[in-house]
Amino acid sequence: MKKIALIIESASDGEIWGRVHYDDDLIVDSAGDVEELKNKMTAQLMEFHDLKKGQIDFDIQHDISGLFDHKDYLNITSVARLAGINPSLMRQYASGVKSPSTERLKAIQTAVHSIGEDLRRIKLAM
């Protein structure tokens, strides 16, 4: 099975965009949700690269410029604070005005994972 990175972006119309780099090709498509996007990308990989459905396994990744649109429950300021980044700079990353270094991107990813772990520990009671 081939593990293929599917990078999720966002669009202003509510559709999500995704891109896959396979061999020397860049495949780009949009859909209403991630599952639909995976299906469309699978169809294109099958058509243009003769892959079989069972050979494709997507590694879902998020482009930082679309992360806060697609995961709108994430607060840019909170993520920036956890990552040790100025919130204004984080907004520039999120808008695509600036691009973070690899090191900075890892710090942002660590902050997002930290939020996930924190949410996982929540216990609700009545």
N, C-alpha and C. Protein backbone atom coordinates (compact mmCIF):
# COMPACT_ATOMS: atom_id res chain seq x y z
N MET A 1 0.84 -1.17 0.00
CA MET A 1 0.00 0.00 0.00
C MET A 1 0.89 1.24 0.00
N LYS A 2 0.55 2.21 -0.83
CA LYS A 2 1.32 3.44 -0.93
C LYS A 2 0.73 4.50 0.00
N LYS A 3 1.56 5.05 0.87
CA LYS A 3 1.15 6.15 1.75
C LYS A 3 1.41 7.44 0.99
N ILE A 4 0.36 8.17 0.67
CA ILE A 4 0.45 9.36 -0.15
C ILE A 4 -0.05 10.56 0.66
N ALA A 5 0.78 11.61 0.74
CA ALA A 5 0.38 12.82 1.47
C ALA A 5 -0.73 13.54 0.71
N LEU A 6 -1.83 13.79 1.39
CA LEU A 6 -2.93 14.60 0.88
C LEU A 6 -2.96 15.85 1.75
N ILE A 7 -2.57 16.96 1.16
CA ILE A 7 -2.47 18.21 1.91
C ILE A 7 -3.76 18.99 1.74
N ILE A 8 -4.40 19.27 2.88
CA ILE A 8 -5.70 19.94 2.91
C ILE A 8 -5.49 21.44 3.03
N GLU A 9 -6.20 22.18 2.19
CA GLU A 9 -6.21 23.63 2.25
C GLU A 9 -7.67 24.06 2.39
N SER A 10 -7.92 25.34 2.39
CA SER A 10 -9.30 25.83 2.46
C SER A 10 -9.57 26.80 1.34
N ALA A 11 -10.83 27.04 1.10
CA ALA A 11 -11.24 28.03 0.10
C ALA A 11 -12.28 28.93 0.73
N SER A 12 -12.43 30.10 0.18
CA SER A 12 -13.35 31.07 0.76
C SER A 12 -14.82 30.67 0.60
N ASP A 13 -15.11 29.78 -0.33
CA ASP A 13 -16.50 29.39 -0.58
C ASP A 13 -16.96 28.22 0.29
N GLY A 14 -16.14 27.81 1.26
CA GLY A 14 -16.52 26.72 2.13
C GLY A 14 -16.04 25.36 1.66
N GLU A 15 -15.69 25.23 0.40
CA GLU A 15 -15.12 23.99 -0.11
C GLU A 15 -13.70 23.86 0.42
N ILE A 16 -13.25 22.63 0.56
CA ILE A 16 -11.85 22.44 0.91
C ILE A 16 -11.10 22.02 -0.34
N TRP A 17 -9.87 22.42 -0.41
CA TRP A 17 -9.01 22.07 -1.52
C TRP A 17 -7.93 21.14 -1.00
N GLY A 18 -7.49 20.25 -1.85
CA GLY A 18 -6.42 19.35 -1.48
C GLY A 18 -5.45 19.19 -2.63
N ARG A 19 -4.22 18.82 -2.27
CA ARG A 19 -3.22 18.59 -3.30
C ARG A 19 -2.42 17.34 -2.96
N VAL A 20 -2.05 16.63 -4.00
CA VAL A 20 -1.24 15.42 -3.88
C VAL A 20 -0.10 15.55 -4.88
N HIS A 21 1.11 15.30 -4.40
CA HIS A 21 2.27 15.20 -5.30
C HIS A 21 2.53 13.71 -5.49
N TYR A 22 2.42 13.24 -6.71
CA TYR A 22 2.67 11.82 -6.97
C TYR A 22 3.53 11.72 -8.22
N ASP A 23 4.62 10.98 -8.13
CA ASP A 23 5.64 10.96 -9.17
C ASP A 23 6.01 12.42 -9.45
N ASP A 24 5.90 12.87 -10.66
CA ASP A 24 6.20 14.27 -10.97
C ASP A 24 4.94 15.09 -11.18
N ASP A 25 3.79 14.56 -10.77
CA ASP A 25 2.52 15.24 -10.99
C ASP A 25 2.01 15.91 -9.73
N LEU A 26 1.34 17.03 -9.92
CA LEU A 26 0.61 17.70 -8.85
C LEU A 26 -0.86 17.56 -9.19
N ILE A 27 -1.61 16.92 -8.31
CA ILE A 27 -3.04 16.72 -8.50
C ILE A 27 -3.75 17.62 -7.49
N VAL A 28 -4.67 18.43 -7.97
CA VAL A 28 -5.40 19.38 -7.13
C VAL A 28 -6.89 19.20 -7.38
N ASP A 29 -7.68 19.21 -6.31
CA ASP A 29 -9.12 19.10 -6.46
C ASP A 29 -9.79 19.72 -5.24
N SER A 30 -11.09 19.90 -5.33
CA SER A 30 -11.86 20.44 -4.21
C SER A 30 -13.04 19.53 -3.92
N ALA A 31 -13.58 19.69 -2.70
CA ALA A 31 -14.73 18.89 -2.30
C ALA A 31 -15.39 19.55 -1.09
N GLY A 32 -16.53 19.02 -0.73
CA GLY A 32 -17.26 19.55 0.42
C GLY A 32 -16.70 19.09 1.76
N ASP A 33 -16.04 17.93 1.77
CA ASP A 33 -15.44 17.42 3.00
C ASP A 33 -14.25 16.53 2.67
N VAL A 34 -13.55 16.09 3.69
CA VAL A 34 -12.32 15.33 3.50
C VAL A 34 -12.60 13.98 2.82
N GLU A 35 -13.67 13.30 3.21
CA GLU A 35 -13.96 12.00 2.61
C GLU A 35 -14.22 12.12 1.10
N GLU A 36 -14.98 13.12 0.72
CA GLU A 36 -15.25 13.34 -0.70
C GLU A 36 -13.95 13.67 -1.43
N LEU A 37 -13.09 14.47 -0.80
CA LEU A 37 -11.81 14.83 -1.41
C LEU A 37 -10.94 13.59 -1.58
N LYS A 38 -10.91 12.72 -0.57
CA LYS A 38 -10.14 11.48 -0.67
C LYS A 38 -10.66 10.62 -1.83
N ASN A 39 -11.96 10.54 -1.97
CA ASN A 39 -12.54 9.76 -3.07
C ASN A 39 -12.17 10.33 -4.43
N LYS A 40 -12.21 11.65 -4.56
CA LYS A 40 -11.86 12.29 -5.83
C LYS A 40 -10.38 12.09 -6.16
N MET A 41 -9.54 12.23 -5.14
CA MET A 41 -8.10 12.04 -5.36
C MET A 41 -7.79 10.58 -5.71
N THR A 42 -8.46 9.67 -5.06
CA THR A 42 -8.29 8.25 -5.37
C THR A 42 -8.65 7.98 -6.82
N ALA A 43 -9.78 8.53 -7.26
CA ALA A 43 -10.21 8.34 -8.66
C ALA A 43 -9.16 8.88 -9.63
N GLN A 44 -8.61 10.04 -9.34
CA GLN A 44 -7.61 10.61 -10.23
C GLN A 44 -6.32 9.78 -10.24
N LEU A 45 -5.91 9.32 -9.07
CA LEU A 45 -4.70 8.48 -9.02
C LEU A 45 -4.91 7.16 -9.75
N MET A 46 -6.10 6.62 -9.66
CA MET A 46 -6.41 5.38 -10.37
C MET A 46 -6.40 5.62 -11.88
N GLU A 47 -6.97 6.74 -12.30
CA GLU A 47 -7.07 7.02 -13.73
C GLU A 47 -5.73 7.37 -14.36
N PHE A 48 -4.97 8.23 -13.71
CA PHE A 48 -3.76 8.75 -14.34
C PHE A 48 -2.48 7.98 -13.99
N HIS A 49 -2.53 7.17 -12.93
CA HIS A 49 -1.32 6.46 -12.52
C HIS A 49 -1.54 4.95 -12.40
N ASP A 50 -2.66 4.49 -12.87
CA ASP A 50 -2.97 3.06 -12.87
C ASP A 50 -2.84 2.41 -11.49
N LEU A 51 -3.15 3.16 -10.45
CA LEU A 51 -3.15 2.59 -9.11
C LEU A 51 -4.50 1.95 -8.85
N LYS A 52 -4.51 0.96 -8.01
CA LYS A 52 -5.76 0.31 -7.61
C LYS A 52 -6.20 0.91 -6.28
N LYS A 53 -7.50 0.88 -6.03
CA LYS A 53 -8.06 1.49 -4.82
C LYS A 53 -7.37 0.98 -3.55
N GLY A 54 -7.10 -0.30 -3.46
CA GLY A 54 -6.47 -0.87 -2.28
C GLY A 54 -5.00 -0.51 -2.12
N GLN A 55 -4.42 0.12 -3.13
CA GLN A 55 -3.01 0.51 -3.07
C GLN A 55 -2.81 1.91 -2.50
N ILE A 56 -3.89 2.63 -2.28
CA ILE A 56 -3.80 4.04 -1.89
C ILE A 56 -4.21 4.22 -0.43
N ASP A 57 -3.32 4.84 0.32
CA ASP A 57 -3.60 5.19 1.72
C ASP A 57 -3.12 6.63 1.92
N PHE A 58 -4.05 7.53 2.22
CA PHE A 58 -3.68 8.94 2.33
C PHE A 58 -3.19 9.27 3.73
N ASP A 59 -2.14 10.05 3.78
CA ASP A 59 -1.62 10.65 5.01
C ASP A 59 -2.14 12.09 4.99
N ILE A 60 -3.19 12.35 5.75
CA ILE A 60 -3.83 13.66 5.74
C ILE A 60 -2.95 14.67 6.47
N GLN A 61 -2.62 15.74 5.78
CA GLN A 61 -1.84 16.83 6.35
C GLN A 61 -2.57 18.13 6.07
N HIS A 62 -2.29 19.16 6.85
CA HIS A 62 -2.96 20.44 6.68
C HIS A 62 -1.94 21.52 6.37
N ASP A 63 -2.21 22.28 5.32
CA ASP A 63 -1.41 23.45 5.01
C ASP A 63 -1.73 24.49 6.08
N ILE A 64 -0.72 25.12 6.63
CA ILE A 64 -0.98 26.06 7.74
C ILE A 64 -1.90 27.20 7.32
N SER A 65 -1.85 27.59 6.05
CA SER A 65 -2.71 28.69 5.62
C SER A 65 -4.18 28.30 5.61
N GLY A 66 -4.49 27.01 5.65
CA GLY A 66 -5.88 26.57 5.69
C GLY A 66 -6.29 25.91 6.98
N LEU A 67 -5.33 25.68 7.87
CA LEU A 67 -5.61 24.95 9.11
C LEU A 67 -6.72 25.61 9.93
N PHE A 68 -6.64 26.91 10.11
CA PHE A 68 -7.59 27.58 10.99
C PHE A 68 -8.95 27.78 10.34
N ASP A 69 -9.02 27.65 9.01
CA ASP A 69 -10.32 27.66 8.33
C ASP A 69 -10.98 26.29 8.45
N HIS A 70 -10.20 25.25 8.21
CA HIS A 70 -10.75 23.90 8.22
C HIS A 70 -11.06 23.42 9.63
N LYS A 71 -10.22 23.80 10.58
CA LYS A 71 -10.43 23.44 11.99
C LYS A 71 -10.76 24.72 12.74
N ASP A 72 -11.94 25.28 12.46
CA ASP A 72 -12.29 26.60 12.96
C ASP A 72 -12.46 26.67 14.47
N TYR A 73 -12.43 25.54 15.15
CA TYR A 73 -12.48 25.56 16.61
C TYR A 73 -11.12 25.89 17.21
N LEU A 74 -10.07 25.87 16.38
CA LEU A 74 -8.74 26.27 16.86
C LEU A 74 -8.66 27.79 16.88
N ASN A 75 -8.18 28.32 17.96
CA ASN A 75 -8.03 29.76 18.11
C ASN A 75 -6.58 30.13 17.77
N ILE A 76 -6.40 31.00 16.79
CA ILE A 76 -5.06 31.37 16.33
C ILE A 76 -4.21 31.92 17.47
N THR A 77 -4.79 32.79 18.29
CA THR A 77 -4.03 33.40 19.38
C THR A 77 -3.59 32.36 20.40
N SER A 78 -4.47 31.42 20.73
CA SER A 78 -4.12 30.38 21.70
C SER A 78 -3.02 29.46 21.18
N VAL A 79 -3.14 29.07 19.92
CA VAL A 79 -2.12 28.21 19.32
C VAL A 79 -0.78 28.95 19.28
N ALA A 80 -0.82 30.22 18.90
CA ALA A 80 0.40 31.02 18.85
C ALA A 80 1.06 31.09 20.23
N ARG A 81 0.25 31.36 21.24
CA ARG A 81 0.78 31.45 22.60
C ARG A 81 1.44 30.14 23.02
N LEU A 82 0.77 29.03 22.77
CA LEU A 82 1.33 27.72 23.13
C LEU A 82 2.62 27.41 22.36
N ALA A 83 2.70 27.90 21.12
CA ALA A 83 3.88 27.63 20.30
C ALA A 83 4.99 28.66 20.55
N GLY A 84 4.72 29.67 21.36
CA GLY A 84 5.73 30.69 21.63
C GLY A 84 5.93 31.63 20.45
N ILE A 85 4.85 31.90 19.72
CA ILE A 85 4.90 32.74 18.52
C ILE A 85 4.01 33.96 18.74
N ASN A 86 4.43 35.08 18.24
CA ASN A 86 3.62 36.28 18.30
C ASN A 86 2.31 36.03 17.54
N PRO A 87 1.15 36.31 18.16
CA PRO A 87 -0.13 36.07 17.48
C PRO A 87 -0.27 36.78 16.14
N SER A 88 0.30 37.96 16.01
CA SER A 88 0.25 38.68 14.74
C SER A 88 1.00 37.92 13.65
N LEU A 89 2.14 37.37 14.02
CA LEU A 89 2.92 36.58 13.06
C LEU A 89 2.15 35.31 12.69
N MET A 90 1.49 34.68 13.67
CA MET A 90 0.70 33.48 13.40
C MET A 90 -0.43 33.80 12.41
N ARG A 91 -1.05 34.97 12.55
CA ARG A 91 -2.10 35.37 11.61
C ARG A 91 -1.53 35.53 10.20
N GLN A 92 -0.30 36.00 10.10
CA GLN A 92 0.34 36.12 8.80
C GLN A 92 0.61 34.74 8.20
N TYR A 93 0.98 33.77 9.03
CA TYR A 93 1.15 32.40 8.55
C TYR A 93 -0.20 31.86 8.07
N ALA A 94 -1.23 32.08 8.88
CA ALA A 94 -2.57 31.55 8.56
C ALA A 94 -3.14 32.17 7.29
N SER A 95 -2.79 33.42 7.02
CA SER A 95 -3.32 34.08 5.82
C SER A 95 -2.45 33.82 4.60
N GLY A 96 -1.29 33.22 4.80
CA GLY A 96 -0.40 32.93 3.68
C GLY A 96 0.52 34.09 3.32
N VAL A 97 0.49 35.16 4.11
CA VAL A 97 1.36 36.30 3.85
C VAL A 97 2.82 35.93 4.08
N LYS A 98 3.05 35.14 5.13
CA LYS A 98 4.39 34.65 5.43
C LYS A 98 4.33 33.13 5.58
N SER A 99 5.48 32.51 5.43
CA SER A 99 5.58 31.05 5.61
C SER A 99 6.52 30.76 6.77
N PRO A 100 6.11 29.85 7.65
CA PRO A 100 6.98 29.52 8.78
C PRO A 100 8.15 28.63 8.35
N SER A 101 9.22 28.71 9.10
CA SER A 101 10.35 27.79 8.89
C SER A 101 9.91 26.39 9.31
N THR A 102 10.70 25.41 8.97
CA THR A 102 10.40 24.04 9.37
C THR A 102 10.36 23.92 10.88
N GLU A 103 11.29 24.56 11.55
CA GLU A 103 11.33 24.53 13.02
C GLU A 103 10.08 25.17 13.61
N ARG A 104 9.68 26.30 13.06
CA ARG A 104 8.49 26.99 13.55
C ARG A 104 7.24 26.17 13.28
N LEU A 105 7.18 25.52 12.11
CA LEU A 105 6.05 24.67 11.76
C LEU A 105 5.92 23.51 12.75
N LYS A 106 7.05 22.95 13.16
CA LYS A 106 7.03 21.87 14.16
C LYS A 106 6.53 22.37 15.50
N ALA A 107 6.90 23.60 15.88
CA ALA A 107 6.41 24.18 17.13
C ALA A 107 4.89 24.37 17.09
N ILE A 108 4.38 24.80 15.94
CA ILE A 108 2.93 24.96 15.78
C ILE A 108 2.23 23.61 15.85
N GLN A 109 2.81 22.61 15.19
CA GLN A 109 2.23 21.26 15.23
C GLN A 109 2.23 20.73 16.65
N THR A 110 3.30 20.94 17.40
CA THR A 110 3.37 20.50 18.79
C THR A 110 2.29 21.18 19.62
N ALA A 111 2.07 22.48 19.39
CA ALA A 111 1.03 23.21 20.12
C ALA A 111 -0.36 22.64 19.81
N VAL A 112 -0.62 22.36 18.55
CA VAL A 112 -1.91 21.78 18.16
C VAL A 112 -2.10 20.41 18.80
N HIS A 113 -1.05 19.60 18.79
CA HIS A 113 -1.14 18.27 19.43
C HIS A 113 -1.37 18.41 20.93
N SER A 114 -0.75 19.41 21.54
CA SER A 114 -0.95 19.66 22.97
C SER A 114 -2.41 19.99 23.27
N ILE A 115 -3.02 20.79 22.42
CA ILE A 115 -4.44 21.11 22.58
C ILE A 115 -5.28 19.84 22.46
N GLY A 116 -4.93 18.99 21.50
CA GLY A 116 -5.64 17.73 21.33
C GLY A 116 -5.55 16.84 22.55
N GLU A 117 -4.35 16.75 23.11
CA GLU A 117 -4.16 15.94 24.32
C GLU A 117 -4.96 16.53 25.48
N ASP A 118 -4.97 17.83 25.59
CA ASP A 118 -5.73 18.49 26.64
C ASP A 118 -7.22 18.19 26.49
N LEU A 119 -7.72 18.27 25.26
CA LEU A 119 -9.13 17.96 25.01
C LEU A 119 -9.45 16.51 25.31
N ARG A 120 -8.51 15.62 25.01
CA ARG A 120 -8.72 14.20 25.25
C ARG A 120 -8.86 13.88 26.75
N ARG A 121 -8.26 14.69 27.58
CA ARG A 121 -8.30 14.45 29.03
C ARG A 121 -9.57 14.99 29.68
N ILE A 122 -10.37 15.74 28.95
CA ILE A 122 -11.58 16.33 29.52
C ILE A 122 -12.58 15.23 29.87
N LYS A 123 -13.14 15.34 31.06
CA LYS A 123 -14.22 14.44 31.49
C LYS A 123 -15.42 15.32 31.82
N LEU A 124 -16.55 14.97 31.26
CA LEU A 124 -17.78 15.73 31.48
C LEU A 124 -18.64 15.05 32.52
N ALA A 125 -19.36 15.85 33.28
CA ALA A 125 -20.24 15.31 34.31
C ALA A 125 -21.54 16.10 34.31
N MET A 126 -22.58 15.47 34.85
CA MET A 126 -23.88 16.15 34.96
C MET A 126 -24.18 16.36 36.43
